[in-house]
């Protein structure tokens, strides 16, 4: 008999009023031992609601939260053995760093000697042993977030919940602390759920990503699976940078795999099945090739401008769309390989491998 997973959500639901749509709708999800799972989605999608229900800060309307196979849905927050790192740190300004870290231990009634030992261990983990006597106002934002992380780890939690812990930090510090959190989580082997509005953070450090929309789970998979093989038009447009181009799928395609798309007056092969009709095609900027002068197989386009972005050159182009004006398309060109000499207004041809394109019905939620 296999051991129960550290965290399982069984049709977890939250409603604020019988007539209101669910803030979270029958969410079922498992987090494996030692896994760092990212929970992402637009504002209001239910990701923070889900985290608060797991932590015991928001009661569930239906469903269950199981930690290690144990149903904790009805338990108060302090009895769940879960460590929580808040977005706003939630440090007590009148307490020292060490007292902040020891707060959860004191609430659990641990003896003073054990509190001191665990506090010292937790501060050492986040490299703040030398700052235990300071007050939070004497620390930088990154140091305060480390204190919040140490406080969560001091209780030796069964599960670590991270609620957008880096959103109040500048970009450089966010990247540094994100790497530290990932390294610490790996070293301790702790199971963690990471809620973030920054999909780039989730793609960079998470073992798997769960994408929510309007309280419902759209897709769960590894970062590469979710990025390269989206399950819906919404995921294709939300995760990572992409181009979205209206098109029409034609019936009776003669290709060995899939069928044919028409974008304006141009026919393109597609490697996915589906009924004829309006669709949206999604293709990543770095997957598109640009040929100049125009001609040959591909999608005609016009260059509107270029921008040097340090690690790449962004080409802003425009293609024709069905019964509409021009559709903007962005192409990323590696800075090490200069693009062909192009001038605004020049006609070019765009092409890509059919396998690099995702196609979804135009009426599919996106």
Protein backbone atom coordinates (compact mmCIF):
# COMPACT_ATOMS: atom_id res chain seq x y z
CA UNK A 1 0.00 0.00 0.00
CA UNK A 2 1.49 3.32 -1.08
CA UNK A 3 1.96 6.16 1.39
CA UNK A 4 -0.55 9.02 1.22
CA UNK A 5 0.58 12.16 -0.57
CA UNK A 6 1.56 15.12 1.63
CA UNK A 7 -1.28 17.28 0.27
CA UNK A 8 -4.48 16.30 -1.50
CA UNK A 9 -7.42 18.56 -2.30
CA UNK A 10 -10.64 16.64 -2.86
CA UNK A 11 -13.24 18.69 -4.74
CA UNK A 12 -12.47 21.72 -2.60
CA UNK A 13 -14.99 24.51 -3.05
CA UNK A 14 -15.63 28.01 -1.76
CA UNK A 15 -18.77 30.09 -2.26
CA UNK A 16 -19.58 33.49 -0.84
CA UNK A 17 -23.37 33.27 -1.01
CA UNK A 18 -25.64 30.68 -2.56
CA UNK A 19 -26.32 32.76 -5.69
CA UNK A 20 -22.70 33.82 -6.25
CA UNK A 21 -20.43 31.92 -8.63
CA UNK A 22 -17.87 29.81 -6.78
CA UNK A 23 -14.59 31.49 -5.90
CA UNK A 24 -13.15 27.98 -6.08
CA UNK A 25 -15.01 25.20 -7.87
CA UNK A 26 -14.47 21.52 -6.98
CA UNK A 27 -10.66 21.75 -7.05
CA UNK A 28 -8.96 18.35 -6.92
CA UNK A 29 -5.18 18.37 -6.82
CA UNK A 30 -2.32 16.36 -5.32
CA UNK A 31 1.15 17.58 -4.31
CA UNK A 32 3.84 14.90 -4.08
CA UNK A 33 6.43 14.56 -1.34
CA UNK A 34 9.24 17.10 -1.66
CA UNK A 35 7.50 18.77 -4.60
CA UNK A 36 7.32 22.51 -5.19
CA UNK A 37 4.00 23.11 -6.92
CA UNK A 38 3.19 26.53 -8.35
CA UNK A 39 -0.38 27.81 -8.33
CA UNK A 40 -0.87 30.55 -10.91
CA UNK A 41 -3.63 32.43 -12.66
CA UNK A 42 -5.00 35.95 -13.14
CA UNK A 43 -6.26 38.08 -10.27
CA UNK A 44 -9.47 36.67 -8.80
CA UNK A 45 -8.90 33.16 -10.18
CA UNK A 46 -9.02 31.54 -6.71
CA UNK A 47 -5.36 30.75 -6.07
CA UNK A 48 -5.08 32.69 -2.78
CA UNK A 49 -8.51 31.43 -1.72
CA UNK A 50 -7.27 27.87 -2.20
CA UNK A 51 -4.13 28.55 -0.17
CA UNK A 52 -6.08 30.15 2.67
CA UNK A 53 -8.45 27.17 2.77
CA UNK A 54 -5.48 24.78 2.97
CA UNK A 55 -3.99 26.87 5.78
CA UNK A 56 -7.28 26.97 7.70
CA UNK A 57 -7.71 30.74 7.42
CA UNK A 58 -10.82 30.47 5.22
CA UNK A 59 -13.45 27.76 5.83
CA UNK A 60 -14.33 25.44 2.95
CA UNK A 61 -17.86 25.41 1.55
CA UNK A 62 -17.42 21.83 0.36
CA UNK A 63 -14.72 19.25 -0.24
CA UNK A 64 -11.74 18.15 1.82
CA UNK A 65 -8.13 19.08 2.57
CA UNK A 66 -5.95 16.07 3.36
CA UNK A 67 -2.37 16.30 4.65
CA UNK A 68 -0.55 12.98 4.75
CA UNK A 69 -3.89 11.23 4.25
CA UNK A 70 -5.42 12.93 7.30
CA UNK A 71 -8.54 15.03 6.81
CA UNK A 72 -7.74 18.45 8.32
CA UNK A 73 -10.63 20.37 6.76
CA UNK A 74 -12.28 21.11 10.11
CA UNK A 75 -9.10 21.74 12.10
CA UNK A 76 -8.14 25.27 13.18
CA UNK A 77 -5.11 26.82 11.53
CA UNK A 78 -2.77 26.34 14.50
CA UNK A 79 -3.47 22.59 14.62
CA UNK A 80 -2.66 21.82 10.99
CA UNK A 81 1.15 21.72 11.19
CA UNK A 82 1.43 23.99 8.15
CA UNK A 83 3.98 26.77 7.69
CA UNK A 84 2.72 29.90 5.93
CA UNK A 85 4.78 32.74 4.47
CA UNK A 86 2.65 35.80 3.79
CA UNK A 87 2.99 38.41 1.06
CA UNK A 88 3.32 41.22 3.60
CA UNK A 89 5.70 39.31 5.95
CA UNK A 90 3.32 39.83 8.95
CA UNK A 91 6.18 40.41 11.41
CA UNK A 92 5.52 41.90 14.84
CA UNK A 93 7.31 45.27 14.87
CA UNK A 94 7.79 45.35 18.67
CA UNK A 95 9.50 41.94 18.74
CA UNK A 96 13.07 41.07 17.87
CA UNK A 97 13.85 38.88 14.90
CA UNK A 98 14.44 35.91 17.20
CA UNK A 99 11.15 36.48 19.03
CA UNK A 100 9.28 36.68 15.73
CA UNK A 101 10.76 33.37 14.64
CA UNK A 102 9.92 31.79 18.00
CA UNK A 103 6.34 33.07 18.06
CA UNK A 104 4.74 29.96 16.56
CA UNK A 105 6.77 27.74 18.85
CA UNK A 106 5.61 29.65 21.91
CA UNK A 107 1.98 29.40 20.77
CA UNK A 108 2.46 25.63 20.55
CA UNK A 109 3.70 25.52 24.14
CA UNK A 110 7.24 24.29 23.45
CA UNK A 111 9.72 24.60 26.35
CA UNK A 112 12.04 27.63 26.31
CA UNK A 113 15.18 25.58 25.65
CA UNK A 114 13.65 23.89 22.60
CA UNK A 115 12.34 27.23 21.35
CA UNK A 116 15.84 28.68 21.49
CA UNK A 117 17.30 25.67 19.66
CA UNK A 118 14.72 25.69 16.88
CA UNK A 119 14.92 29.47 16.50
CA UNK A 120 18.68 29.31 16.12
CA UNK A 121 18.39 26.50 13.57
CA UNK A 122 15.79 28.38 11.52
CA UNK A 123 17.80 31.62 11.50
CA UNK A 124 20.87 29.69 10.42
CA UNK A 125 18.92 28.17 7.52
CA UNK A 126 18.13 31.64 6.15
CA UNK A 127 21.57 33.05 7.02
CA UNK A 128 20.33 35.56 9.61
CA UNK A 129 21.92 34.20 12.80
CA UNK A 130 23.75 37.50 13.34
CA UNK A 131 20.54 39.58 13.25
CA UNK A 132 18.44 37.81 15.88
CA UNK A 133 18.47 40.79 18.23
CA UNK A 134 17.29 43.39 15.71
CA UNK A 135 13.76 44.68 15.17
CA UNK A 136 12.04 44.22 11.79
CA UNK A 137 12.29 47.95 10.98
CA UNK A 138 16.08 47.61 11.08
CA UNK A 139 16.05 45.04 8.28
CA UNK A 140 15.82 45.29 4.51
CA UNK A 141 12.81 43.90 2.67
CA UNK A 142 14.71 40.78 1.69
CA UNK A 143 15.86 40.21 5.26
CA UNK A 144 12.31 40.61 6.55
CA UNK A 145 11.12 38.00 4.08
CA UNK A 146 13.85 35.64 5.28
CA UNK A 147 12.61 36.14 8.86
CA UNK A 148 9.08 35.24 7.75
CA UNK A 149 10.45 32.12 6.06
CA UNK A 150 12.46 31.17 9.18
CA UNK A 151 9.33 31.55 11.33
CA UNK A 152 7.43 29.18 9.04
CA UNK A 153 10.26 26.61 9.05
CA UNK A 154 10.83 26.76 12.82
CA UNK A 155 7.65 24.81 13.54
CA UNK A 156 8.96 22.00 11.27
CA UNK A 157 5.82 22.00 9.16
CA UNK A 158 4.35 19.09 7.23
CA UNK A 159 3.69 21.51 4.39
CA UNK A 160 4.98 24.97 3.46
CA UNK A 161 2.62 27.50 1.85
CA UNK A 162 4.10 30.55 0.11
CA UNK A 163 1.57 33.30 -0.65
CA UNK A 164 3.21 35.58 -3.24
CA UNK A 165 6.18 35.98 -0.88
CA UNK A 166 8.31 38.04 -3.27
CA UNK A 167 5.82 40.52 -4.70
CA UNK A 168 6.94 43.40 -2.45
CA UNK A 169 10.60 43.12 -3.48
CA UNK A 170 12.44 44.71 -6.40
CA UNK A 171 13.27 42.55 -9.42
CA UNK A 172 16.92 41.87 -8.60
CA UNK A 173 16.24 40.91 -5.00
CA UNK A 174 13.24 38.83 -6.06
CA UNK A 175 15.41 36.71 -8.34
CA UNK A 176 18.04 36.22 -5.64
CA UNK A 177 15.58 35.27 -2.91
CA UNK A 178 13.62 33.00 -5.25
CA UNK A 179 16.76 30.98 -5.88
CA UNK A 180 17.42 30.79 -2.14
CA UNK A 181 13.89 29.58 -1.39
CA UNK A 182 14.16 26.91 -4.08
CA UNK A 183 17.56 25.73 -2.80
CA UNK A 184 16.32 25.63 0.78
CA UNK A 185 13.17 23.73 -0.15
CA UNK A 186 15.22 21.19 -2.09
CA UNK A 187 17.75 20.77 0.73
CA UNK A 188 15.08 20.23 3.38
CA UNK A 189 12.95 18.05 1.10
CA UNK A 190 9.86 19.91 2.27
CA UNK A 191 6.62 19.83 0.27
CA UNK A 192 5.60 23.33 -0.76
CA UNK A 193 2.79 25.17 -2.54
CA UNK A 194 3.86 28.45 -4.13
CA UNK A 195 1.14 30.96 -5.08
CA UNK A 196 2.38 33.69 -7.38
CA UNK A 197 1.05 36.18 -9.91
CA UNK A 198 4.44 36.07 -11.67
CA UNK A 199 4.30 33.12 -14.05
CA UNK A 200 7.99 33.56 -14.82
CA UNK A 201 8.80 32.73 -11.19
CA UNK A 202 6.68 29.60 -11.36
CA UNK A 203 8.21 28.46 -14.65
CA UNK A 204 11.71 28.98 -13.26
CA UNK A 205 11.54 27.08 -9.97
CA UNK A 206 8.46 24.86 -9.70
CA UNK A 207 8.39 21.11 -10.35
CA UNK A 208 4.83 21.40 -11.62
CA UNK A 209 2.39 24.23 -12.26
CA UNK A 210 -1.37 24.32 -11.76
CA UNK A 211 -3.20 27.01 -13.74
CA UNK A 212 -6.50 28.34 -12.39
CA UNK A 213 -9.14 30.40 -14.17
CA UNK A 214 -12.39 31.58 -12.60
CA UNK A 215 -11.93 29.15 -9.71
CA UNK A 216 -11.41 26.13 -11.95
CA UNK A 217 -8.33 24.11 -12.79
CA UNK A 218 -7.37 24.57 -16.44
CA UNK A 219 -4.19 22.49 -16.54
CA UNK A 220 -1.54 20.95 -14.30
CA UNK A 221 1.85 19.73 -15.50
CA UNK A 222 5.55 20.43 -15.59
CA UNK A 223 6.58 23.97 -16.59
CA UNK A 224 7.63 22.70 -20.03
CA UNK A 225 4.37 20.79 -20.55
CA UNK A 226 2.22 23.78 -19.61
CA UNK A 227 4.33 26.21 -21.63
CA UNK A 228 4.85 24.10 -24.77
CA UNK A 229 1.66 22.01 -24.77
CA UNK A 230 -1.16 24.18 -23.37
CA UNK A 231 -4.46 22.42 -22.77
CA UNK A 232 -6.65 25.41 -23.66
CA UNK A 233 -6.63 28.74 -25.40
CA UNK A 234 -6.58 30.43 -22.01
CA UNK A 235 -3.42 28.61 -20.92
CA UNK A 236 -1.78 29.24 -24.30
CA UNK A 237 -2.40 32.96 -23.97
CA UNK A 238 -1.68 33.26 -20.25
CA UNK A 239 1.49 31.27 -19.68
CA UNK A 240 4.55 32.85 -21.25
CA UNK A 241 4.77 35.25 -24.16
CA UNK A 242 2.93 34.26 -27.30
CA UNK A 243 1.28 35.53 -30.47
CA UNK A 244 -2.42 35.00 -30.99
CA UNK A 245 -3.60 35.07 -34.60
CA UNK A 246 -7.25 34.61 -35.72
CA UNK A 247 -7.62 31.99 -38.45
CA UNK A 248 -10.01 29.48 -39.98
CA UNK A 249 -9.63 25.70 -40.03
CA UNK A 250 -10.66 24.21 -43.37
CA UNK A 251 -12.48 20.91 -43.75
CA UNK A 252 -11.04 18.02 -45.71
CA UNK A 253 -7.35 18.66 -45.07
CA UNK A 254 -5.14 16.39 -47.16
CA UNK A 255 -2.10 16.46 -44.87
CA UNK A 256 -0.84 13.27 -43.31
CA UNK A 257 -1.31 14.74 -39.83
CA UNK A 258 -3.95 17.33 -39.00
CA UNK A 259 -5.35 19.68 -41.59
CA UNK A 260 -5.00 23.15 -43.02
CA UNK A 261 -5.50 26.63 -41.62
CA UNK A 262 -6.27 29.75 -43.59
CA UNK A 263 -4.97 33.03 -42.21
CA UNK A 264 -6.33 35.68 -44.52
CA UNK A 265 -5.56 34.25 -47.96
CA UNK A 266 -2.67 32.07 -46.78
CA UNK A 267 -2.86 28.32 -46.14
CA UNK A 268 -0.77 26.82 -43.33
CA UNK A 269 -0.39 23.19 -42.19
CA UNK A 270 -1.47 22.33 -38.65
CA UNK A 271 -0.67 19.22 -36.61
CA UNK A 272 -3.80 19.10 -34.47
CA UNK A 273 -7.23 17.66 -35.14
CA UNK A 274 -10.43 19.63 -34.88
CA UNK A 275 -13.62 20.70 -36.57
CA UNK A 276 -13.66 23.27 -39.32
CA UNK A 277 -14.42 26.83 -38.29
CA UNK A 278 -12.92 29.92 -36.64
CA UNK A 279 -9.87 29.26 -34.49
CA UNK A 280 -7.04 31.09 -32.78
CA UNK A 281 -3.49 29.94 -33.38
CA UNK A 282 -0.78 30.57 -30.81
CA UNK A 283 2.94 30.56 -31.57
CA UNK A 284 5.81 31.72 -29.34
CA UNK A 285 7.91 34.69 -30.53
CA UNK A 286 11.16 32.68 -30.46
CA UNK A 287 9.69 29.92 -32.65
CA UNK A 288 9.01 32.15 -35.66
CA UNK A 289 11.43 32.48 -38.57
CA UNK A 290 11.59 35.63 -40.70
CA UNK A 291 12.58 35.59 -44.38
CA UNK A 292 13.28 38.66 -46.48
CA UNK A 293 12.51 39.47 -49.15
CA UNK A 294 8.95 38.18 -49.00
CA UNK A 295 7.96 35.06 -50.87
CA UNK A 296 7.89 31.31 -50.50
CA UNK A 297 5.88 29.19 -48.10
CA UNK A 298 4.71 30.99 -44.99
CA UNK A 299 2.66 33.88 -43.76
CA UNK A 300 3.12 37.30 -45.41
CA UNK A 301 3.78 40.10 -42.94
CA UNK A 302 5.03 43.66 -42.78
CA UNK A 303 7.73 44.94 -40.44
CA UNK A 304 6.66 47.84 -38.24
CA UNK A 305 9.78 48.27 -36.16
CA UNK A 306 12.52 46.70 -34.05
CA UNK A 307 13.62 47.07 -30.42
CA UNK A 308 16.89 46.06 -28.76
CA UNK A 309 16.06 44.35 -25.45
CA UNK A 310 19.50 43.30 -24.27
CA UNK A 311 19.25 39.53 -24.63
CA UNK A 312 17.18 39.67 -27.82
CA UNK A 313 15.95 41.87 -30.64
CA UNK A 314 12.17 42.13 -30.84
CA UNK A 315 10.68 42.51 -34.31
CA UNK A 316 7.22 44.09 -34.39
CA UNK A 317 5.30 42.87 -37.41
CA UNK A 318 1.77 42.88 -38.74
CA UNK A 319 -0.10 40.14 -40.57
CA UNK A 320 -3.53 40.17 -42.19
CA UNK A 321 -6.43 38.51 -40.38
CA UNK A 322 -9.83 37.31 -41.46
CA UNK A 323 -12.13 40.27 -42.05
CA UNK A 324 -10.06 42.44 -39.72
CA UNK A 325 -7.21 44.88 -39.78
CA UNK A 326 -3.64 43.90 -39.26
CA UNK A 327 -2.82 41.59 -36.35
CA UNK A 328 0.38 42.41 -34.42
CA UNK A 329 2.99 39.67 -34.23
CA UNK A 330 6.23 39.76 -32.24
CA UNK A 331 9.32 37.79 -33.21
CA UNK A 332 12.31 37.33 -30.90
CA UNK A 333 15.66 37.30 -32.63
CA UNK A 334 18.77 36.21 -30.68
CA UNK A 335 21.02 39.19 -30.13
CA UNK A 336 24.05 37.08 -31.08
CA UNK A 337 22.59 36.59 -34.56
CA UNK A 338 21.68 39.88 -36.20
CA UNK A 339 18.42 39.77 -38.18
CA UNK A 340 18.48 40.47 -41.90
CA UNK A 341 18.69 44.12 -42.86
CA UNK A 342 15.09 45.23 -42.59
CA UNK A 343 13.36 48.59 -42.72
CA UNK A 344 9.94 49.55 -41.37
CA UNK A 345 7.31 48.90 -44.01
CA UNK A 346 9.25 46.04 -45.61
CA UNK A 347 7.36 42.90 -46.61
CA UNK A 348 8.63 39.61 -45.16
CA UNK A 349 7.48 36.00 -44.78
CA UNK A 350 6.95 34.30 -41.42
CA UNK A 351 7.18 30.56 -40.91
CA UNK A 352 7.41 28.01 -38.09
CA UNK A 353 7.20 24.28 -37.51
CA UNK A 354 3.58 23.08 -37.26
CA UNK A 355 4.43 21.30 -34.01
CA UNK A 356 5.30 24.68 -32.44
CA UNK A 357 1.79 26.03 -33.01
CA UNK A 358 -1.22 25.54 -30.69
CA UNK A 359 -4.69 25.84 -32.21
CA UNK A 360 -7.97 26.22 -30.30
CA UNK A 361 -11.53 27.04 -31.39
CA UNK A 362 -12.22 30.77 -31.37
CA UNK A 363 -15.14 30.23 -28.97
CA UNK A 364 -12.88 28.27 -26.58
CA UNK A 365 -12.35 30.15 -23.31
CA UNK A 366 -9.21 32.23 -23.78
